[in-house]
């Protein structure tokens, strides 16, 4: 949601989506585990929101259409890619005829069946699981809360798993595993869908409820990734780069993280403000993130759909024990999506005070949000470039730091300074932005919430955030030389 906030569509998601934070797992008619996603007063957004993908796509397309820098070309299909040392050349087919397009860098985000990936003869690495699932969105009025419902080994689908989710506009998603050997064509036949959905509704006590089909499909869980997301002049992201299980809301969320990680790097490289080494760093970080997700999501997938007899014996033992033994119930936890922490990134400053902080987000971590006022949060005021957080009054900001920031901005680097002060009255939040320096702003934090969350015990500390909102440096004391060193490393991957 924080990424969607950066591109101006989060308000539409919160207006139309259904927030939730509890997940329930059932076995033999008993609820054996209840998960509560963490949420506190400093979070602007709920931990999870259900919204059908087509609506989110609509919001993003409309945001693109409103941006004069974006040219959406519907009905254009890439039919060939030729890579050169300094550019990529594409053959594009359209209803009006083909044309050739040259680009300094090509971003392949053309989905799970990526044609560009195939044209470059690239192979995904990892595992594909045999278990298949039907997703069926049905229109029905059920008197149930907006919570995740997972049913293991239900009477009508022995040995398999069924998921149930509420979606907006009176839709419920029924997600059930197929018996081994059943084909997608058999599973999606109207009679098969009707029989199984009726069985699920009967199991939860709503056999008499009328319903109608909205949409259905079949999918199988995969944990696959390209070994490198930078191949010549082509960069991969989203499903073109990796295929990950949807368990734990990892599907589109991971693609959003890819896009946020790549956009700022590509912008700097195209403007000549960074070398292509920054794009290699994108690949290193996001491939690492994909493998971490594969490790975690693989555990959830093996629990949902055991791939071997051994895994099934272990899973079934957990199910049986969970009826009487509380210690095994956390194994039902499905490991939800979260931002990756790039703790070993080459963009992290080697000459800062990271190790001297006793608390707060460390190298590579995402920033912590802070409620500054009833409807005002720290992250509302950040983004769009590098963010320097100065913990202290604006008049205590060292002159050489201010001058250095102005020089970096003059060279075209997007950099904003935010002074977080505990001074002033109880009116918290945005206080000022100088007319002659709109890239500086003052946030009032009279209760010291930001100071506490960021481990700042005395004024004069500072944090530097990358444009994709990960910490790349933090200091107990800051001067121009230290800021310069951090920005050089964050834009090159090399310490000065």
Protein backbone atom coordinates (compact mmCIF):
# COMPACT_ATOMS: atom_id res chain seq x y z
CA UNK A 1 0.00 0.00 0.00
CA UNK A 2 2.88 2.37 0.69
CA UNK A 3 4.08 1.83 -2.89
CA UNK A 4 0.59 2.51 -4.25
CA UNK A 5 0.52 5.66 -2.12
CA UNK A 6 3.64 6.85 -3.93
CA UNK A 7 1.86 6.65 -7.30
CA UNK A 8 -1.37 8.20 -6.06
CA UNK A 9 -3.82 5.30 -6.09
CA UNK A 10 -3.83 4.09 -2.47
CA UNK A 11 -6.92 6.17 -1.65
CA UNK A 12 -8.92 4.36 -4.33
CA UNK A 13 -7.83 0.99 -2.96
CA UNK A 14 -8.82 1.89 0.60
CA UNK A 15 -12.13 3.37 -0.57
CA UNK A 16 -13.14 0.26 -2.50
CA UNK A 17 -11.20 -2.60 -0.90
CA UNK A 18 -12.07 -4.67 2.16
CA UNK A 19 -9.49 -4.50 4.99
CA UNK A 20 -8.84 -7.55 7.12
CA UNK A 21 -6.26 -8.87 9.57
CA UNK A 22 -7.42 -12.27 10.83
CA UNK A 23 -6.97 -15.70 9.28
CA UNK A 24 -8.61 -18.91 10.48
CA UNK A 25 -7.58 -22.51 9.84
CA UNK A 26 -10.05 -25.37 10.30
CA UNK A 27 -9.55 -29.12 10.55
CA UNK A 28 -12.24 -31.74 11.16
CA UNK A 29 -14.80 -29.03 11.82
CA UNK A 30 -12.72 -27.25 14.47
CA UNK A 31 -10.83 -24.00 14.27
CA UNK A 32 -7.29 -25.00 15.16
CA UNK A 33 -5.44 -21.74 14.46
CA UNK A 34 -6.30 -18.05 14.32
CA UNK A 35 -3.72 -15.71 12.86
CA UNK A 36 -3.70 -12.00 13.65
CA UNK A 37 -1.63 -9.80 11.34
CA UNK A 38 0.28 -7.14 13.29
CA UNK A 39 -1.10 -3.60 13.20
CA UNK A 40 -0.48 -0.61 15.46
CA UNK A 41 -1.35 3.05 15.76
CA UNK A 42 1.58 4.12 13.57
CA UNK A 43 0.30 2.25 10.51
CA UNK A 44 -1.69 4.29 8.01
CA UNK A 45 -2.92 1.20 6.19
CA UNK A 46 -4.34 -2.05 7.43
CA UNK A 47 -2.11 -5.10 7.06
CA UNK A 48 -4.20 -6.54 4.20
CA UNK A 49 -6.89 -5.36 1.80
CA UNK A 50 -8.94 -7.56 -0.53
CA UNK A 51 -9.61 -6.07 -3.97
CA UNK A 52 -10.10 -7.83 -7.29
CA UNK A 53 -7.12 -7.42 -9.59
CA UNK A 54 -9.09 -5.86 -12.43
CA UNK A 55 -9.99 -2.86 -10.27
CA UNK A 56 -6.40 -2.31 -9.19
CA UNK A 57 -5.31 -2.55 -12.82
CA UNK A 58 -7.96 0.03 -13.73
CA UNK A 59 -6.68 2.48 -11.10
CA UNK A 60 -3.09 2.09 -12.28
CA UNK A 61 -3.99 2.44 -15.97
CA UNK A 62 -5.94 5.62 -15.24
CA UNK A 63 -2.97 7.00 -13.29
CA UNK A 64 -0.73 6.23 -16.27
CA UNK A 65 -3.13 7.89 -18.69
CA UNK A 66 -3.09 11.03 -16.54
CA UNK A 67 0.72 11.20 -16.66
CA UNK A 68 2.05 13.01 -19.76
CA UNK A 69 5.35 11.11 -19.53
CA UNK A 70 3.66 7.74 -20.11
CA UNK A 71 2.64 6.49 -23.56
CA UNK A 72 0.31 3.48 -23.36
CA UNK A 73 0.07 1.64 -26.68
CA UNK A 74 -2.76 -0.87 -26.64
CA UNK A 75 -2.75 -3.67 -29.19
CA UNK A 76 1.04 -3.53 -29.65
CA UNK A 77 2.81 -6.91 -29.50
CA UNK A 78 6.57 -7.42 -29.45
CA UNK A 79 7.48 -10.09 -32.01
CA UNK A 80 11.30 -9.92 -31.95
CA UNK A 81 14.10 -8.50 -29.81
CA UNK A 82 17.69 -7.88 -30.91
CA UNK A 83 20.19 -6.79 -28.28
CA UNK A 84 23.10 -4.49 -29.17
CA UNK A 85 25.90 -3.18 -26.99
CA UNK A 86 24.19 0.17 -26.41
CA UNK A 87 20.50 -0.48 -27.11
CA UNK A 88 17.78 -3.03 -27.78
CA UNK A 89 15.77 -3.13 -30.99
CA UNK A 90 12.19 -4.41 -31.03
CA UNK A 91 9.88 -5.47 -33.80
CA UNK A 92 6.33 -4.53 -32.84
CA UNK A 93 3.16 -5.74 -34.52
CA UNK A 94 -0.08 -3.71 -34.45
CA UNK A 95 -3.46 -3.83 -36.21
CA UNK A 96 -2.19 -0.97 -38.41
CA UNK A 97 1.00 -2.82 -39.28
CA UNK A 98 4.47 -3.53 -37.82
CA UNK A 99 7.12 -1.03 -36.80
CA UNK A 100 10.63 -1.01 -35.32
CA UNK A 101 11.37 0.52 -31.93
CA UNK A 102 14.83 1.18 -30.47
CA UNK A 103 15.37 1.76 -26.77
CA UNK A 104 18.39 2.31 -24.59
CA UNK A 105 16.96 -0.10 -22.03
CA UNK A 106 14.10 -2.58 -22.40
CA UNK A 107 12.04 -3.51 -19.33
CA UNK A 108 10.35 -6.89 -19.79
CA UNK A 109 7.25 -6.97 -17.61
CA UNK A 110 5.15 -9.05 -19.97
CA UNK A 111 3.90 -11.61 -17.50
CA UNK A 112 4.24 -15.27 -16.62
CA UNK A 113 4.36 -16.39 -20.26
CA UNK A 114 6.86 -13.65 -21.13
CA UNK A 115 7.47 -13.57 -24.86
CA UNK A 116 10.61 -11.50 -24.35
CA UNK A 117 12.00 -14.09 -21.94
CA UNK A 118 11.38 -16.77 -24.57
CA UNK A 119 12.91 -14.71 -27.39
CA UNK A 120 16.09 -14.35 -25.36
CA UNK A 121 16.04 -18.11 -24.61
CA UNK A 122 16.12 -17.63 -20.84
CA UNK A 123 15.10 -20.33 -18.36
CA UNK A 124 13.56 -20.02 -14.92
CA UNK A 125 15.12 -21.88 -11.99
CA UNK A 126 13.34 -23.45 -9.03
CA UNK A 127 10.43 -25.82 -8.51
CA UNK A 128 6.90 -26.28 -9.84
CA UNK A 129 4.38 -28.07 -7.64
CA UNK A 130 2.00 -30.68 -9.02
CA UNK A 131 -1.04 -29.56 -7.05
CA UNK A 132 -3.60 -27.54 -9.00
CA UNK A 133 -6.17 -25.15 -7.58
CA UNK A 134 -9.43 -23.77 -8.92
CA UNK A 135 -10.17 -20.11 -8.22
CA UNK A 136 -13.88 -19.37 -8.47
CA UNK A 137 -15.36 -15.95 -7.75
CA UNK A 138 -19.04 -16.28 -6.94
CA UNK A 139 -21.68 -13.66 -6.21
CA UNK A 140 -23.38 -14.60 -2.94
CA UNK A 141 -24.59 -12.97 0.28
CA UNK A 142 -22.87 -14.70 3.21
CA UNK A 143 -23.16 -13.45 6.82
CA UNK A 144 -19.46 -13.99 7.50
CA UNK A 145 -16.71 -11.53 8.53
CA UNK A 146 -13.97 -10.38 6.18
CA UNK A 147 -11.38 -12.92 7.29
CA UNK A 148 -9.37 -15.63 5.61
CA UNK A 149 -10.90 -19.09 6.03
CA UNK A 150 -8.75 -22.15 5.31
CA UNK A 151 -10.18 -25.67 5.50
CA UNK A 152 -7.76 -28.60 5.60
CA UNK A 153 -8.95 -32.08 4.61
CA UNK A 154 -12.65 -31.12 4.35
CA UNK A 155 -15.20 -33.92 3.98
CA UNK A 156 -15.98 -33.08 0.36
CA UNK A 157 -12.31 -32.70 -0.71
CA UNK A 158 -10.37 -35.23 1.36
CA UNK A 159 -6.62 -34.71 1.65
CA UNK A 160 -6.82 -31.30 0.02
CA UNK A 161 -7.28 -27.65 1.00
CA UNK A 162 -10.01 -25.05 0.48
CA UNK A 163 -9.68 -21.28 0.97
CA UNK A 164 -12.50 -18.77 1.26
CA UNK A 165 -12.19 -14.96 1.03
CA UNK A 166 -14.67 -12.09 0.90
CA UNK A 167 -14.15 -9.56 -1.91
CA UNK A 168 -15.88 -6.26 -2.69
CA UNK A 169 -19.23 -5.98 -4.46
CA UNK A 170 -20.75 -9.13 -2.98
CA UNK A 171 -18.11 -11.51 -4.33
CA UNK A 172 -16.61 -14.46 -2.46
CA UNK A 173 -13.54 -16.28 -3.73
CA UNK A 174 -13.56 -20.05 -3.34
CA UNK A 175 -10.10 -21.52 -3.86
CA UNK A 176 -9.89 -25.31 -3.74
CA UNK A 177 -7.29 -27.94 -4.54
CA UNK A 178 -8.00 -30.52 -7.24
CA UNK A 179 -7.55 -34.27 -6.87
CA UNK A 180 -4.43 -35.64 -8.52
CA UNK A 181 -4.88 -36.34 -12.21
CA UNK A 182 -7.86 -34.07 -12.85
CA UNK A 183 -7.42 -31.82 -15.87
CA UNK A 184 -8.23 -28.07 -15.94
CA UNK A 185 -10.94 -28.74 -18.52
CA UNK A 186 -12.64 -31.23 -16.20
CA UNK A 187 -12.28 -28.93 -13.19
CA UNK A 188 -13.80 -25.92 -14.95
CA UNK A 189 -16.82 -27.72 -16.35
CA UNK A 190 -20.04 -26.06 -15.11
CA UNK A 191 -21.22 -29.25 -13.39
CA UNK A 192 -17.92 -29.74 -11.55
CA UNK A 193 -17.84 -26.13 -10.36
CA UNK A 194 -21.45 -26.27 -9.22
CA UNK A 195 -21.04 -29.55 -7.32
CA UNK A 196 -17.92 -28.47 -5.46
CA UNK A 197 -19.04 -24.96 -4.61
CA UNK A 198 -22.36 -26.31 -3.32
CA UNK A 199 -20.44 -28.82 -1.20
CA UNK A 200 -18.31 -26.04 0.29
CA UNK A 201 -21.35 -23.90 1.05
CA UNK A 202 -23.07 -26.87 2.67
CA UNK A 203 -20.02 -27.53 4.82
CA UNK A 204 -20.13 -24.00 6.28
CA UNK A 205 -23.89 -24.16 6.83
CA UNK A 206 -25.15 -22.16 3.86
CA UNK A 207 -26.36 -24.81 1.43
CA UNK A 208 -29.58 -22.88 0.80
CA UNK A 209 -27.88 -19.68 -0.34
CA UNK A 210 -28.32 -18.87 -4.05
CA UNK A 211 -25.19 -17.89 -5.95
CA UNK A 212 -23.97 -17.14 -9.45
CA UNK A 213 -20.58 -17.60 -11.08
CA UNK A 214 -18.55 -14.46 -11.77
CA UNK A 215 -15.21 -15.91 -12.92
CA UNK A 216 -13.13 -19.07 -12.61
CA UNK A 217 -9.67 -20.34 -13.50
CA UNK A 218 -7.07 -22.97 -12.64
CA UNK A 219 -3.56 -22.34 -11.34
CA UNK A 220 -0.65 -24.29 -9.92
CA UNK A 221 1.93 -23.05 -7.43
CA UNK A 222 5.41 -22.33 -8.76
CA UNK A 223 8.58 -21.11 -7.06
CA UNK A 224 10.72 -20.06 -10.02
CA UNK A 225 13.05 -17.18 -10.84
CA UNK A 226 15.51 -16.10 -13.48
CA UNK A 227 19.08 -16.22 -12.15
CA UNK A 228 19.68 -12.64 -13.35
CA UNK A 229 17.20 -9.84 -14.03
CA UNK A 230 19.70 -7.88 -16.16
CA UNK A 231 20.47 -9.56 -19.48
CA UNK A 232 22.29 -7.32 -21.93
CA UNK A 233 20.09 -4.26 -22.41
CA UNK A 234 16.98 -5.98 -21.02
CA UNK A 235 15.72 -5.84 -17.45
CA UNK A 236 13.10 -8.24 -16.09
CA UNK A 237 10.49 -7.62 -13.42
CA UNK A 238 7.23 -9.09 -12.14
CA UNK A 239 6.07 -12.47 -13.41
CA UNK A 240 8.44 -12.18 -16.37
CA UNK A 241 11.28 -12.37 -13.82
CA UNK A 242 9.80 -14.80 -11.30
CA UNK A 243 6.77 -17.01 -10.69
CA UNK A 244 5.82 -17.11 -7.02
CA UNK A 245 2.92 -18.72 -5.13
CA UNK A 246 0.02 -16.42 -4.35
CA UNK A 247 -0.14 -17.78 -0.79
CA UNK A 248 0.73 -14.94 1.59
CA UNK A 249 -0.39 -12.21 -0.88
CA UNK A 250 2.90 -12.36 -2.74
CA UNK A 251 1.73 -12.15 -6.35
CA UNK A 252 1.29 -8.56 -7.51
CA UNK A 253 2.90 -7.22 -4.33
CA UNK A 254 6.28 -8.60 -5.39
CA UNK A 255 5.89 -7.04 -8.83
CA UNK A 256 5.19 -3.66 -7.22
CA UNK A 257 8.39 -4.01 -5.21
CA UNK A 258 10.31 -4.81 -8.41
CA UNK A 259 8.91 -1.72 -10.13
CA UNK A 260 9.72 0.55 -7.22
CA UNK A 261 13.25 -0.85 -7.00
CA UNK A 262 13.95 -0.47 -10.72
CA UNK A 263 12.33 2.86 -11.56
CA UNK A 264 14.68 5.18 -9.69
CA UNK A 265 17.80 3.30 -10.76
CA UNK A 266 16.78 3.33 -14.41
CA UNK A 267 15.97 7.03 -14.19
CA UNK A 268 19.43 7.89 -12.85
CA UNK A 269 21.18 5.69 -15.41
CA UNK A 270 19.22 7.13 -18.35
CA UNK A 271 20.03 10.67 -17.20
CA UNK A 272 23.71 9.84 -16.93
CA UNK A 273 23.79 10.27 -13.16
CA UNK A 274 24.73 6.66 -12.46
CA UNK A 275 26.43 3.81 -14.27
CA UNK A 276 24.79 0.56 -15.33
CA UNK A 277 26.29 -0.97 -12.19
CA UNK A 278 23.22 0.39 -10.44
CA UNK A 279 21.06 -1.83 -12.65
CA UNK A 280 23.22 -4.85 -11.81
CA UNK A 281 22.54 -4.00 -8.17
CA UNK A 282 18.80 -4.05 -8.91
CA UNK A 283 19.20 -7.58 -10.22
CA UNK A 284 21.28 -8.71 -7.25
CA UNK A 285 18.84 -7.31 -4.70
CA UNK A 286 15.64 -8.50 -6.32
CA UNK A 287 16.95 -11.97 -7.23
CA UNK A 288 17.97 -12.30 -3.59
CA UNK A 289 14.50 -11.18 -2.51
CA UNK A 290 12.90 -13.70 -4.88
CA UNK A 291 14.92 -16.56 -3.42
CA UNK A 292 13.95 -15.48 0.09
CA UNK A 293 10.30 -15.48 -0.94
CA UNK A 294 10.74 -18.87 -2.60
CA UNK A 295 12.15 -20.25 0.64
CA UNK A 296 9.28 -18.89 2.74
CA UNK A 297 6.47 -19.40 0.24
CA UNK A 298 7.77 -22.89 -0.45
CA UNK A 299 7.04 -23.79 3.17
CA UNK A 300 3.47 -22.52 2.85
CA UNK A 301 3.02 -24.26 -0.50
CA UNK A 302 4.32 -27.60 0.80
CA UNK A 303 1.90 -27.34 3.71
CA UNK A 304 -1.04 -26.45 1.46
CA UNK A 305 -0.22 -28.99 -1.24
CA UNK A 306 2.36 -31.58 -0.07
CA UNK A 307 4.50 -32.57 -3.07
CA UNK A 308 5.66 -35.98 -1.79
CA UNK A 309 4.43 -38.77 0.47
CA UNK A 310 6.90 -37.67 3.14
CA UNK A 311 5.66 -34.09 3.16
CA UNK A 312 2.06 -35.32 3.27
CA UNK A 313 2.78 -37.57 6.26
CA UNK A 314 4.36 -34.63 8.08
CA UNK A 315 1.51 -32.27 7.18
CA UNK A 316 -1.14 -34.79 8.22
CA UNK A 317 0.65 -35.34 11.53
CA UNK A 318 0.51 -31.59 12.20
CA UNK A 319 -3.20 -31.55 11.33
CA UNK A 320 -3.97 -34.41 13.71
CA UNK A 321 -1.86 -33.05 16.56
CA UNK A 322 -3.36 -29.57 16.20
CA UNK A 323 -6.70 -30.85 17.52
CA UNK A 324 -5.19 -31.34 20.97
CA UNK A 325 -1.66 -29.86 21.00
CA UNK A 326 -1.25 -26.06 20.87
CA UNK A 327 2.49 -26.14 20.17
CA UNK A 328 2.04 -27.29 16.55
CA UNK A 329 -0.67 -24.77 15.61
CA UNK A 330 1.71 -21.93 14.60
CA UNK A 331 2.82 -24.21 11.73
CA UNK A 332 -0.44 -23.18 10.06
CA UNK A 333 0.91 -19.62 9.76
CA UNK A 334 1.11 -18.74 6.07
CA UNK A 335 3.99 -16.21 6.18
CA UNK A 336 2.55 -13.06 4.67
CA UNK A 337 4.32 -10.76 2.22
CA UNK A 338 6.61 -8.08 3.62
CA UNK A 339 9.29 -5.72 2.30
CA UNK A 340 12.71 -7.26 1.81
CA UNK A 341 15.58 -6.01 3.96
CA UNK A 342 18.70 -5.39 1.88
CA UNK A 343 21.04 -5.60 4.85
CA UNK A 344 24.04 -6.55 2.71
CA UNK A 345 23.39 -4.27 -0.27
CA UNK A 346 26.39 -2.62 -1.89
CA UNK A 347 24.38 0.64 -1.74
CA UNK A 348 24.54 0.73 2.06
CA UNK A 349 27.03 3.28 3.39
CA UNK A 350 30.14 1.72 4.89
CA UNK A 351 31.23 4.88 6.69
CA UNK A 352 28.14 5.73 8.74
CA UNK A 353 27.07 4.97 12.32
CA UNK A 354 24.68 2.10 11.57
CA UNK A 355 26.26 -0.24 14.11
CA UNK A 356 26.11 2.37 16.88
CA UNK A 357 22.32 2.66 16.88
CA UNK A 358 20.59 0.58 19.53
CA UNK A 359 17.22 0.70 17.79
CA UNK A 360 15.49 1.89 14.64
CA UNK A 361 15.53 0.59 11.05
CA UNK A 362 19.02 -0.53 10.05
CA UNK A 363 20.80 -0.76 6.70
CA UNK A 364 18.51 -1.96 3.92
CA UNK A 365 15.35 -1.97 6.04
CA UNK A 366 12.18 -0.13 5.02
CA UNK A 367 11.44 3.02 7.03
CA UNK A 368 9.04 2.83 9.95
CA UNK A 369 5.89 4.88 9.63
CA UNK A 370 4.97 7.28 12.44
CA UNK A 371 1.61 8.84 13.24
CA UNK A 372 2.29 12.56 13.62
CA UNK A 373 -1.33 13.76 13.76
CA UNK A 374 -4.76 12.09 13.59
CA UNK A 375 -4.60 11.81 9.79
CA UNK A 376 -0.95 12.57 9.11
CA UNK A 377 1.93 10.10 8.96
CA UNK A 378 5.65 10.40 8.33
CA UNK A 379 5.59 8.46 5.05
CA UNK A 380 2.90 10.80 3.69
CA UNK A 381 5.65 13.40 3.33
CA UNK A 382 8.42 11.24 1.87
CA UNK A 383 9.14 9.75 -1.55
CA UNK A 384 9.92 10.85 -5.07
CA UNK A 385 13.67 10.74 -4.56
CA UNK A 386 16.27 10.44 -1.81
CA UNK A 387 15.00 11.56 1.59
CA UNK A 388 17.34 12.93 4.26
CA UNK A 389 15.68 12.85 7.69
CA UNK A 390 17.29 15.33 10.09
CA UNK A 391 16.30 14.85 13.73
CA UNK A 392 16.51 18.36 15.12
CA UNK A 393 15.32 21.91 14.69
CA UNK A 394 15.73 23.41 11.25
CA UNK A 395 18.21 26.01 12.50
CA UNK A 396 20.51 23.24 13.78
CA UNK A 397 20.97 21.69 10.34
CA UNK A 398 24.69 22.15 9.53
CA UNK A 399 25.30 24.72 6.81
CA UNK A 400 27.71 22.43 4.98
CA UNK A 401 25.07 19.66 4.84
CA UNK A 402 22.55 22.10 3.40
CA UNK A 403 25.10 23.32 0.84
CA UNK A 404 26.02 19.76 -0.13
CA UNK A 405 22.36 18.84 -0.62
CA UNK A 406 21.86 21.91 -2.82
CA UNK A 407 24.86 20.89 -4.95
CA UNK A 408 23.52 17.36 -5.42
CA UNK A 409 20.16 18.79 -6.44
CA UNK A 410 21.85 21.17 -8.88
CA UNK A 411 23.37 18.09 -10.54
CA UNK A 412 19.87 16.67 -10.98
CA UNK A 413 19.70 14.23 -8.06
CA UNK A 414 16.22 14.23 -6.48
CA UNK A 415 16.92 14.89 -2.80
CA UNK A 416 14.65 16.29 -0.10
CA UNK A 417 15.47 17.26 3.48
CA UNK A 418 12.92 16.70 6.22
CA UNK A 419 13.65 18.19 9.64
CA UNK A 420 11.82 16.37 12.41
CA UNK A 421 11.65 18.59 15.47
CA UNK A 422 10.23 18.13 18.94
CA UNK A 423 10.02 21.88 19.43
CA UNK A 424 6.87 23.97 19.12
CA UNK A 425 3.33 23.47 20.35
CA UNK A 426 1.26 20.31 20.26
CA UNK A 427 0.28 20.74 16.59
CA UNK A 428 2.07 17.84 15.00
CA UNK A 429 2.77 17.13 11.37
CA UNK A 430 3.87 19.35 8.49
CA UNK A 431 4.84 22.80 9.78
CA UNK A 432 6.70 24.58 6.99
CA UNK A 433 8.38 24.36 3.61
CA UNK A 434 10.51 27.41 2.69
CA UNK A 435 9.27 29.24 -0.40
CA UNK A 436 12.81 29.46 -1.78
CA UNK A 437 13.61 25.81 -0.97
CA UNK A 438 10.53 23.62 -1.48
CA UNK A 439 12.79 20.57 -1.16
CA UNK A 440 13.09 21.28 2.57
CA UNK A 441 10.28 20.70 5.05
CA UNK A 442 9.74 20.68 8.80
CA UNK A 443 7.66 18.07 10.60
CA UNK A 444 6.67 18.57 14.21
CA UNK A 445 6.87 15.53 16.48
CA UNK A 446 6.14 16.94 19.96
CA UNK A 447 5.58 13.52 21.50
CA UNK A 448 8.87 12.20 20.14
CA UNK A 449 7.30 9.23 18.39
CA UNK A 450 9.65 9.40 15.41
CA UNK A 451 12.65 9.82 17.70
CA UNK A 452 11.67 6.72 19.63
CA UNK A 453 10.91 4.54 16.59
CA UNK A 454 14.15 5.54 14.89
CA UNK A 455 16.34 5.02 17.96
CA UNK A 456 17.33 8.69 18.18
CA UNK A 457 18.33 9.65 21.71
CA UNK A 458 19.70 13.13 20.98
CA UNK A 459 19.17 15.78 18.28
CA UNK A 460 21.62 15.78 15.39
CA UNK A 461 21.02 12.24 14.16
CA UNK A 462 20.03 11.62 10.55
CA UNK A 463 18.78 8.90 8.20
CA UNK A 464 19.14 8.67 4.40
CA UNK A 465 16.43 6.82 2.48
CA UNK A 466 16.75 5.56 -1.08
CA UNK A 467 13.98 6.51 -3.54
CA UNK A 468 12.49 3.01 -3.09
CA UNK A 469 12.30 3.74 0.64
CA UNK A 470 15.02 1.59 2.11
CA UNK A 471 17.58 2.88 4.60
CA UNK A 472 21.03 3.27 3.05
CA UNK A 473 22.74 5.33 5.78
CA UNK A 474 22.17 6.61 9.30
CA UNK A 475 24.32 8.79 11.50
CA UNK A 476 24.52 9.98 15.09
CA UNK A 477 26.30 13.03 13.68
CA UNK A 478 26.22 14.30 10.12
CA UNK A 479 28.42 16.58 8.05
CA UNK A 480 28.75 17.24 4.32
CA UNK A 481 31.58 14.78 3.82
CA UNK A 482 29.58 11.93 5.33
CA UNK A 483 26.47 12.82 3.31
CA UNK A 484 28.51 12.96 0.10
CA UNK A 485 30.04 9.55 0.82
CA UNK A 486 26.62 7.99 1.37
CA UNK A 487 25.12 9.48 -1.80
CA UNK A 488 28.11 8.41 -3.90
CA UNK A 489 27.75 4.85 -2.66
CA UNK A 490 23.95 4.83 -3.02
CA UNK A 491 24.21 5.90 -6.67
CA UNK A 492 27.17 3.73 -7.66
CA UNK A 493 27.45 0.83 -5.25
CA UNK A 494 31.04 1.82 -4.54
CA UNK A 495 32.45 3.57 -1.48
CA UNK A 496 34.37 6.77 -2.32
